[in-house]
Amino acid sequence: AYYSPDFEAKLEPQGEFINPIYGMPKDSWLKNSTSDEINFQGKLKGRGLELLYVKKSLYDIWLLHVEGGGRAKVLKEDGTFDYYYLSYAGSNGQKFQMLYRFMLDQGMLASGHAKIADQRRYFLNHPEHQRSIMKSCPSFIYFKITHDEPLGVQNIPLTENRSLATDYRRIKEYGIINYIQFKKPIQIDNGIKQVPFSRFFLNQDTGGAIKGNARCDLYFGYGDKAELAANYVYGQGLQYFLILK
């Protein structure tokens, strides 16, 4: 499953708000820059590509890259917020790799303890390793600001709890109705519980991290419950495609 991360943001760098969210460069020599060149060598800095500045870590921005879209809120002088939706605009075309694979290989994480919370905790507690961790995934995603929810492949806003993504190399048709049965995680007092769940979804999206015939990625929107689902959905379920006879 996947979700849309929430960020507090500023329109200009200020205080802890120093990490930029980038729009896509027009020149290919900039667009194809690796994540290391962008994050640690400042290759895009000062070129007018900064959309917003957030105070969350590079790891949390990488999660935004994995999810493909998010939302940022900017505090105004009157105490209210302006909301900016961050939608996928393109990638640098470099290889994508989940960071936990590198962290496991390097002994930074132990097998069975490589959840998102484990990865984030290690990343924040070991700033000396942050560059090597981020460099292991040279892929970089660019965004654009939209007035609607993050957009799917046909520039149609995703709908929380109703949109899903499939591998574009396998399934070429979008808009197909899917009936899904699986177990969804919920928070209980002493941890996470998997409960039966079934619902209709629409095939409206794709992504570089989802590969294979028997794979789909369910979109759960914003908030803590959505993040919980995205981080703890696992195992096999049933997926039915509803098509005209």
C-alpha atoms as a PDB file:
ATOM      1  CA  ALA A   1       0.000   0.000   0.000  1.00  0.00           C
ATOM      2  CA  TYR A   2       1.010   3.643  -0.331  1.00  0.00           C
ATOM      3  CA  TYR A   3      -0.051   7.033   0.972  1.00  0.00           C
ATOM      4  CA  SER A   4       0.662  10.764   0.612  1.00  0.00           C
ATOM      5  CA  PRO A   5       3.107  12.111   3.207  1.00  0.00           C
ATOM      6  CA  ASP A   6       2.268  15.413   4.920  1.00  0.00           C
ATOM      7  CA  PHE A   7       4.850  18.173   5.347  1.00  0.00           C
ATOM      8  CA  GLU A   8       5.014  21.546   7.034  1.00  0.00           C
ATOM      9  CA  ALA A   9       6.742  23.885   4.604  1.00  0.00           C
ATOM     10  CA  LYS A  10       7.944  27.393   3.825  1.00  0.00           C
ATOM     11  CA  LEU A  11       8.129  29.168   0.489  1.00  0.00           C
ATOM     12  CA  GLU A  12      11.672  30.345   1.313  1.00  0.00           C
ATOM     13  CA  PRO A  13      14.414  28.693   3.420  1.00  0.00           C
ATOM     14  CA  GLN A  14      13.935  29.658   7.051  1.00  0.00           C
ATOM     15  CA  GLY A  15      15.235  28.180  10.301  1.00  0.00           C
ATOM     16  CA  GLU A  16      14.848  24.410  10.181  1.00  0.00           C
ATOM     17  CA  PHE A  17      13.060  24.595   6.831  1.00  0.00           C
ATOM     18  CA  ILE A  18      16.129  24.032   4.670  1.00  0.00           C
ATOM     19  CA  ASN A  19      15.500  20.900   2.580  1.00  0.00           C
ATOM     20  CA  PRO A  20      13.948  21.748  -0.793  1.00  0.00           C
ATOM     21  CA  ILE A  21      11.340  19.896  -2.830  1.00  0.00           C
ATOM     22  CA  TYR A  22      12.446  20.219  -6.448  1.00  0.00           C
ATOM     23  CA  GLY A  23      10.552  20.748  -9.663  1.00  0.00           C
ATOM     24  CA  MET A  24      11.837  19.110 -12.839  1.00  0.00           C
ATOM     25  CA  PRO A  25      14.672  20.788 -14.777  1.00  0.00           C
ATOM     26  CA  LYS A  26      14.194  21.392 -18.487  1.00  0.00           C
ATOM     27  CA  ASP A  27      17.810  20.622 -19.400  1.00  0.00           C
ATOM     28  CA  SER A  28      18.590  16.902 -19.568  1.00  0.00           C
ATOM     29  CA  TRP A  29      22.076  17.336 -18.094  1.00  0.00           C
ATOM     30  CA  LEU A  30      20.445  18.652 -14.927  1.00  0.00           C
ATOM     31  CA  LYS A  31      17.415  16.363 -15.031  1.00  0.00           C
ATOM     32  CA  ASN A  32      19.623  13.252 -15.150  1.00  0.00           C
ATOM     33  CA  SER A  33      21.618  14.225 -12.048  1.00  0.00           C
ATOM     34  CA  THR A  34      21.947  11.495  -9.420  1.00  0.00           C
ATOM     35  CA  SER A  35      20.399  11.814  -5.980  1.00  0.00           C
ATOM     36  CA  ASP A  36      23.869  12.303  -4.497  1.00  0.00           C
ATOM     37  CA  GLU A  37      24.652  15.175  -6.876  1.00  0.00           C
ATOM     38  CA  ILE A  38      21.351  16.827  -5.952  1.00  0.00           C
ATOM     39  CA  ASN A  39      21.225  16.149  -2.204  1.00  0.00           C
ATOM     40  CA  PHE A  40      24.884  16.542  -1.266  1.00  0.00           C
ATOM     41  CA  GLN A  41      26.622  18.372  -4.112  1.00  0.00           C
ATOM     42  CA  GLY A  42      24.004  21.068  -4.648  1.00  0.00           C
ATOM     43  CA  LYS A  43      23.758  20.576  -8.392  1.00  0.00           C
ATOM     44  CA  LEU A  44      20.234  22.055  -8.589  1.00  0.00           C
ATOM     45  CA  LYS A  45      20.641  24.654  -5.846  1.00  0.00           C
ATOM     46  CA  GLY A  46      19.779  28.223  -6.778  1.00  0.00           C
ATOM     47  CA  ARG A  47      18.440  27.400 -10.257  1.00  0.00           C
ATOM     48  CA  GLY A  48      14.862  28.389  -9.445  1.00  0.00           C
ATOM     49  CA  LEU A  49      13.681  24.789  -9.183  1.00  0.00           C
ATOM     50  CA  GLU A  50      12.883  24.843  -5.466  1.00  0.00           C
ATOM     51  CA  LEU A  51       9.111  24.524  -4.985  1.00  0.00           C
ATOM     52  CA  LEU A  52       9.014  24.519  -1.184  1.00  0.00           C
ATOM     53  CA  TYR A  53      11.329  24.032   1.784  1.00  0.00           C
ATOM     54  CA  VAL A  54      10.596  21.478   4.522  1.00  0.00           C
ATOM     55  CA  LYS A  55      12.210  20.717   7.865  1.00  0.00           C
ATOM     56  CA  LYS A  56      11.822  16.966   7.616  1.00  0.00           C
ATOM     57  CA  SER A  57      14.897  14.894   6.839  1.00  0.00           C
ATOM     58  CA  LEU A  58      16.193  13.717   3.477  1.00  0.00           C
ATOM     59  CA  TYR A  59      14.911  10.271   4.452  1.00  0.00           C
ATOM     60  CA  ASP A  60      11.351  11.601   4.750  1.00  0.00           C
ATOM     61  CA  ILE A  61      11.730  13.383   1.419  1.00  0.00           C
ATOM     62  CA  TRP A  62      12.906  10.065  -0.054  1.00  0.00           C
ATOM     63  CA  LEU A  63       9.687   8.489   1.266  1.00  0.00           C
ATOM     64  CA  LEU A  64       7.813  11.197  -0.647  1.00  0.00           C
ATOM     65  CA  HIS A  65       9.744  10.032  -3.735  1.00  0.00           C
ATOM     66  CA  VAL A  66       8.714   6.428  -3.076  1.00  0.00           C
ATOM     67  CA  GLU A  67       5.054   7.365  -2.615  1.00  0.00           C
ATOM     68  CA  GLY A  68       5.041   9.631  -5.693  1.00  0.00           C
ATOM     69  CA  GLY A  69       3.000  12.461  -4.188  1.00  0.00           C
ATOM     70  CA  GLY A  70       2.185  14.312  -1.001  1.00  0.00           C
ATOM     71  CA  ARG A  71       0.832  17.439   0.608  1.00  0.00           C
ATOM     72  CA  ALA A  72       2.482  20.467   2.209  1.00  0.00           C
ATOM     73  CA  LYS A  73       0.947  23.126   4.421  1.00  0.00           C
ATOM     74  CA  VAL A  74       2.398  26.626   4.656  1.00  0.00           C
ATOM     75  CA  LEU A  75       1.532  28.795   7.671  1.00  0.00           C
ATOM     76  CA  LYS A  76       0.239  32.248   6.726  1.00  0.00           C
ATOM     77  CA  GLU A  77       0.520  35.466   8.744  1.00  0.00           C
ATOM     78  CA  ASP A  78      -3.131  35.240   9.835  1.00  0.00           C
ATOM     79  CA  GLY A  79      -2.517  31.818  11.408  1.00  0.00           C
ATOM     80  CA  THR A  80      -4.283  29.799   8.709  1.00  0.00           C
ATOM     81  CA  PHE A  81      -2.639  27.432   6.238  1.00  0.00           C
ATOM     82  CA  ASP A  82      -2.290  27.234   2.495  1.00  0.00           C
ATOM     83  CA  TYR A  83      -2.201  23.651   1.225  1.00  0.00           C
ATOM     84  CA  TYR A  84      -0.019  22.603  -1.694  1.00  0.00           C
ATOM     85  CA  TYR A  85      -0.418  19.197  -3.291  1.00  0.00           C
ATOM     86  CA  LEU A  86       2.819  17.689  -4.592  1.00  0.00           C
ATOM     87  CA  SER A  87       2.288  15.555  -7.682  1.00  0.00           C
ATOM     88  CA  TYR A  88       4.780  13.472  -9.634  1.00  0.00           C
ATOM     89  CA  ALA A  89       6.411  15.429 -12.486  1.00  0.00           C
ATOM     90  CA  GLY A  90       9.179  13.064 -13.636  1.00  0.00           C
ATOM     91  CA  SER A  91      12.369  11.282 -12.621  1.00  0.00           C
ATOM     92  CA  ASN A  92      16.075  11.420 -13.355  1.00  0.00           C
ATOM     93  CA  GLY A  93      15.935   7.980 -14.984  1.00  0.00           C
ATOM     94  CA  GLN A  94      18.481   6.521 -12.567  1.00  0.00           C
ATOM     95  CA  LYS A  95      18.203   3.140 -10.857  1.00  0.00           C
ATOM     96  CA  PHE A  96      15.779   2.867  -7.944  1.00  0.00           C
ATOM     97  CA  GLN A  97      16.648   0.789  -4.888  1.00  0.00           C
ATOM     98  CA  MET A  98      14.974   0.553  -1.499  1.00  0.00           C
ATOM     99  CA  LEU A  99      17.300   2.010   1.137  1.00  0.00           C
ATOM    100  CA  TYR A 100      16.747  -0.817   3.600  1.00  0.00           C
ATOM    101  CA  ARG A 101      18.572  -3.236   1.276  1.00  0.00           C
ATOM    102  CA  PHE A 102      21.778  -1.216   1.555  1.00  0.00           C
ATOM    103  CA  MET A 103      21.274  -0.730   5.291  1.00  0.00           C
ATOM    104  CA  LEU A 104      20.882  -4.484   5.809  1.00  0.00           C
ATOM    105  CA  ASP A 105      23.924  -5.258   3.649  1.00  0.00           C
ATOM    106  CA  GLN A 106      26.024  -2.819   5.681  1.00  0.00           C
ATOM    107  CA  GLY A 107      24.858  -4.175   9.030  1.00  0.00           C
ATOM    108  CA  MET A 108      23.090  -0.927   9.908  1.00  0.00           C
ATOM    109  CA  LEU A 109      19.842  -2.840  10.422  1.00  0.00           C
ATOM    110  CA  ALA A 110      19.211  -6.372  11.609  1.00  0.00           C
ATOM    111  CA  SER A 111      17.041  -8.830   9.714  1.00  0.00           C
ATOM    112  CA  GLY A 112      13.461  -8.531  10.905  1.00  0.00           C
ATOM    113  CA  HIS A 113      14.059  -4.973  12.107  1.00  0.00           C
ATOM    114  CA  ALA A 114      14.016  -3.023   8.853  1.00  0.00           C
ATOM    115  CA  LYS A 115      10.605  -1.334   8.993  1.00  0.00           C
ATOM    116  CA  ILE A 116      10.201   2.337   8.106  1.00  0.00           C
ATOM    117  CA  ALA A 117      10.455   3.326  11.774  1.00  0.00           C
ATOM    118  CA  ASP A 118      13.719   1.356  12.133  1.00  0.00           C
ATOM    119  CA  GLN A 119      15.176   2.959   9.011  1.00  0.00           C
ATOM    120  CA  ARG A 120      14.184   6.489  10.054  1.00  0.00           C
ATOM    121  CA  ARG A 121      15.565   6.006  13.575  1.00  0.00           C
ATOM    122  CA  TYR A 122      18.940   4.814  12.282  1.00  0.00           C
ATOM    123  CA  PHE A 123      19.119   7.583   9.683  1.00  0.00           C
ATOM    124  CA  LEU A 124      18.469  10.326  12.244  1.00  0.00           C
ATOM    125  CA  ASN A 125      20.781   8.821  14.882  1.00  0.00           C
ATOM    126  CA  HIS A 126      23.731   8.360  12.476  1.00  0.00           C
ATOM    127  CA  PRO A 127      24.239  11.543  10.462  1.00  0.00           C
ATOM    128  CA  GLU A 128      27.702  10.285   9.484  1.00  0.00           C
ATOM    129  CA  HIS A 129      26.077   7.553   7.366  1.00  0.00           C
ATOM    130  CA  GLN A 130      23.303   9.604   5.805  1.00  0.00           C
ATOM    131  CA  ARG A 131      25.147  10.306   2.557  1.00  0.00           C
ATOM    132  CA  SER A 132      26.129   6.692   1.914  1.00  0.00           C
ATOM    133  CA  ILE A 133      22.566   5.547   2.652  1.00  0.00           C
ATOM    134  CA  MET A 134      20.990   8.062   0.280  1.00  0.00           C
ATOM    135  CA  LYS A 135      23.646   7.456  -2.389  1.00  0.00           C
ATOM    136  CA  SER A 136      22.657   3.774  -2.570  1.00  0.00           C
ATOM    137  CA  CYS A 137      19.491   4.892  -4.409  1.00  0.00           C
ATOM    138  CA  PRO A 138      20.598   7.189  -7.275  1.00  0.00           C
ATOM    139  CA  SER A 139      16.973   7.663  -8.404  1.00  0.00           C
ATOM    140  CA  PHE A 140      15.432  11.095  -7.820  1.00  0.00           C
ATOM    141  CA  ILE A 141      11.819  12.215  -8.297  1.00  0.00           C
ATOM    142  CA  TYR A 142      10.710  15.703  -9.325  1.00  0.00           C
ATOM    143  CA  PHE A 143       7.369  17.228  -8.374  1.00  0.00           C
ATOM    144  CA  LYS A 144       4.886  19.868  -9.436  1.00  0.00           C
ATOM    145  CA  ILE A 145       2.368  21.765  -7.324  1.00  0.00           C
ATOM    146  CA  THR A 146      -1.272  20.990  -8.089  1.00  0.00           C
ATOM    147  CA  HIS A 147      -4.555  22.145  -6.577  1.00  0.00           C
ATOM    148  CA  ASP A 148      -5.931  18.615  -6.308  1.00  0.00           C
ATOM    149  CA  GLU A 149      -4.846  15.351  -4.761  1.00  0.00           C
ATOM    150  CA  PRO A 150      -1.658  13.828  -6.247  1.00  0.00           C
ATOM    151  CA  LEU A 151      -2.306  12.844  -9.837  1.00  0.00           C
ATOM    152  CA  GLY A 152      -2.350   9.340 -11.284  1.00  0.00           C
ATOM    153  CA  VAL A 153      -1.085   8.335 -14.713  1.00  0.00           C
ATOM    154  CA  GLN A 154      -3.887  10.033 -16.677  1.00  0.00           C
ATOM    155  CA  ASN A 155      -3.646  13.302 -14.713  1.00  0.00           C
ATOM    156  CA  ILE A 156      -6.741  12.328 -12.743  1.00  0.00           C
ATOM    157  CA  PRO A 157      -6.480  13.019  -8.986  1.00  0.00           C
ATOM    158  CA  LEU A 158      -6.119   9.885  -6.876  1.00  0.00           C
ATOM    159  CA  THR A 159      -8.919   9.043  -4.458  1.00  0.00           C
ATOM    160  CA  GLU A 160      -7.942   7.835  -1.004  1.00  0.00           C
ATOM    161  CA  ASN A 161      -9.071   4.287  -0.235  1.00  0.00           C
ATOM    162  CA  ARG A 162     -10.183   3.801  -3.859  1.00  0.00           C
ATOM    163  CA  SER A 163      -7.176   4.151  -6.212  1.00  0.00           C
ATOM    164  CA  LEU A 164      -4.544   1.483  -6.805  1.00  0.00           C
ATOM    165  CA  ALA A 165      -1.347   1.183  -8.825  1.00  0.00           C
ATOM    166  CA  THR A 166      -0.080  -1.657 -11.019  1.00  0.00           C
ATOM    167  CA  ASP A 167       3.074  -2.343 -13.019  1.00  0.00           C
ATOM    168  CA  TYR A 168       2.738  -0.395 -16.289  1.00  0.00           C
ATOM    169  CA  ARG A 169       4.962  -2.979 -18.004  1.00  0.00           C
ATOM    170  CA  ARG A 170       2.321  -5.646 -17.324  1.00  0.00           C
ATOM    171  CA  ILE A 171      -1.060  -3.898 -17.298  1.00  0.00           C
ATOM    172  CA  LYS A 172      -1.609  -1.279 -20.001  1.00  0.00           C
ATOM    173  CA  GLU A 173      -5.254  -0.372 -19.360  1.00  0.00           C
ATOM    174  CA  TYR A 174      -6.232   2.124 -16.669  1.00  0.00           C
ATOM    175  CA  GLY A 175      -9.638   2.662 -15.098  1.00  0.00           C
ATOM    176  CA  ILE A 176     -10.315  -1.062 -14.623  1.00  0.00           C
ATOM    177  CA  ILE A 177     -12.448  -1.848 -11.565  1.00  0.00           C
ATOM    178  CA  ASN A 178     -10.731  -4.172  -9.083  1.00  0.00           C
ATOM    179  CA  TYR A 179     -12.237  -6.061  -6.183  1.00  0.00           C
ATOM    180  CA  ILE A 180      -9.601  -6.563  -3.483  1.00  0.00           C
ATOM    181  CA  GLN A 181      -9.582  -8.915  -0.492  1.00  0.00           C
ATOM    182  CA  PHE A 182      -6.682  -8.914   1.977  1.00  0.00           C
ATOM    183  CA  LYS A 183      -5.774  -8.143   5.584  1.00  0.00           C
ATOM    184  CA  LYS A 184      -5.392  -4.505   6.592  1.00  0.00           C
ATOM    185  CA  PRO A 185      -3.318  -3.413   9.609  1.00  0.00           C
ATOM    186  CA  ILE A 186      -4.909  -1.418  12.419  1.00  0.00           C
ATOM    187  CA  GLN A 187      -3.323   0.068  15.532  1.00  0.00           C
ATOM    188  CA  ILE A 188      -4.231  -1.609  18.814  1.00  0.00           C
ATOM    189  CA  ASP A 189      -2.966  -0.999  22.337  1.00  0.00           C
ATOM    190  CA  ASN A 190      -0.164  -3.550  22.207  1.00  0.00           C
ATOM    191  CA  GLY A 191       0.856  -3.207  18.561  1.00  0.00           C
ATOM    192  CA  ILE A 192      -0.457  -3.894  15.061  1.00  0.00           C
ATOM    193  CA  LYS A 193      -3.316  -6.258  14.212  1.00  0.00           C
ATOM    194  CA  GLN A 194      -4.181  -7.534  10.720  1.00  0.00           C
ATOM    195  CA  VAL A 195      -7.947  -7.619  10.097  1.00  0.00           C
ATOM    196  CA  PRO A 196      -9.942  -8.866   7.051  1.00  0.00           C
ATOM    197  CA  PHE A 197     -10.644  -6.121   4.519  1.00  0.00           C
ATOM    198  CA  SER A 198     -12.394  -6.031   1.139  1.00  0.00           C
ATOM    199  CA  ARG A 199     -13.262  -3.160  -1.178  1.00  0.00           C
ATOM    200  CA  PHE A 200     -13.531  -1.968  -4.786  1.00  0.00           C
ATOM    201  CA  PHE A 201     -10.556  -0.019  -6.161  1.00  0.00           C
ATOM    202  CA  LEU A 202      -9.812   1.589  -9.536  1.00  0.00           C
ATOM    203  CA  ASN A 203      -6.562   0.977 -11.413  1.00  0.00           C
ATOM    204  CA  GLN A 204      -5.355   4.587 -11.759  1.00  0.00           C
ATOM    205  CA  ASP A 205      -1.646   4.678 -11.080  1.00  0.00           C
ATOM    206  CA  THR A 206       1.760   3.066 -11.486  1.00  0.00           C
ATOM    207  CA  GLY A 207       5.251   3.412 -10.024  1.00  0.00           C
ATOM    208  CA  GLY A 208       8.860   2.299 -10.306  1.00  0.00           C
ATOM    209  CA  ALA A 209       8.735   0.339  -7.026  1.00  0.00           C
ATOM    210  CA  ILE A 210       5.848  -1.926  -8.053  1.00  0.00           C
ATOM    211  CA  LYS A 211       6.883  -4.768 -10.348  1.00  0.00           C
ATOM    212  CA  GLY A 212       5.282  -8.019 -11.440  1.00  0.00           C
ATOM    213  CA  ASN A 213       2.048  -9.584 -12.657  1.00  0.00           C
ATOM    214  CA  ALA A 214       0.630 -10.399  -9.245  1.00  0.00           C
ATOM    215  CA  ARG A 215       1.272  -7.058  -7.583  1.00  0.00           C
ATOM    216  CA  CYS A 216      -0.859  -4.034  -6.826  1.00  0.00           C
ATOM    217  CA  ASP A 217      -0.351  -1.013  -4.594  1.00  0.00           C
ATOM    218  CA  LEU A 218      -3.375   0.358  -2.707  1.00  0.00           C
ATOM    219  CA  TYR A 219      -3.640   4.115  -2.101  1.00  0.00           C
ATOM    220  CA  PHE A 220      -4.853   5.098   1.393  1.00  0.00           C
ATOM    221  CA  GLY A 221      -4.494   8.898   1.278  1.00  0.00           C
ATOM    222  CA  TYR A 222      -3.260  11.038   4.188  1.00  0.00           C
ATOM    223  CA  GLY A 223      -2.855  10.776   7.942  1.00  0.00           C
ATOM    224  CA  ASP A 224      -1.577   8.305  10.514  1.00  0.00           C
ATOM    225  CA  LYS A 225      -3.928   5.466   9.506  1.00  0.00           C
ATOM    226  CA  ALA A 226      -2.885   5.812   5.865  1.00  0.00           C
ATOM    227  CA  GLU A 227       0.804   5.753   6.796  1.00  0.00           C
ATOM    228  CA  LEU A 228       0.231   2.731   9.028  1.00  0.00           C
ATOM    229  CA  ALA A 229      -1.432   0.857   6.168  1.00  0.00           C
ATOM    230  CA  ALA A 230       1.341   1.791   3.759  1.00  0.00           C
ATOM    231  CA  ASN A 231       4.047   0.592   6.119  1.00  0.00           C
ATOM    232  CA  TYR A 232       2.451  -2.626   7.361  1.00  0.00           C
ATOM    233  CA  VAL A 233       0.404  -4.109   4.521  1.00  0.00           C
ATOM    234  CA  TYR A 234       2.100  -7.347   3.463  1.00  0.00           C
ATOM    235  CA  GLY A 235       1.318 -10.886   2.405  1.00  0.00           C
ATOM    236  CA  GLN A 236      -0.986 -12.251  -0.245  1.00  0.00           C
ATOM    237  CA  GLY A 237      -4.551 -11.298  -1.014  1.00  0.00           C
ATOM    238  CA  LEU A 238      -7.044 -11.713  -3.834  1.00  0.00           C
ATOM    239  CA  GLN A 239      -7.426  -9.309  -6.763  1.00  0.00           C
ATOM    240  CA  TYR A 240     -10.308  -9.575  -9.230  1.00  0.00           C
ATOM    241  CA  PHE A 241     -10.457  -7.526 -12.443  1.00  0.00           C
ATOM    242  CA  LEU A 242     -14.023  -6.669 -13.457  1.00  0.00           C
ATOM    243  CA  ILE A 243     -14.208  -6.441 -17.255  1.00  0.00           C
ATOM    244  CA  LEU A 244     -16.987  -6.368 -19.840  1.00  0.00           C
ATOM    245  CA  LYS A 245     -17.903  -9.850 -21.104  1.00  0.00           C
END
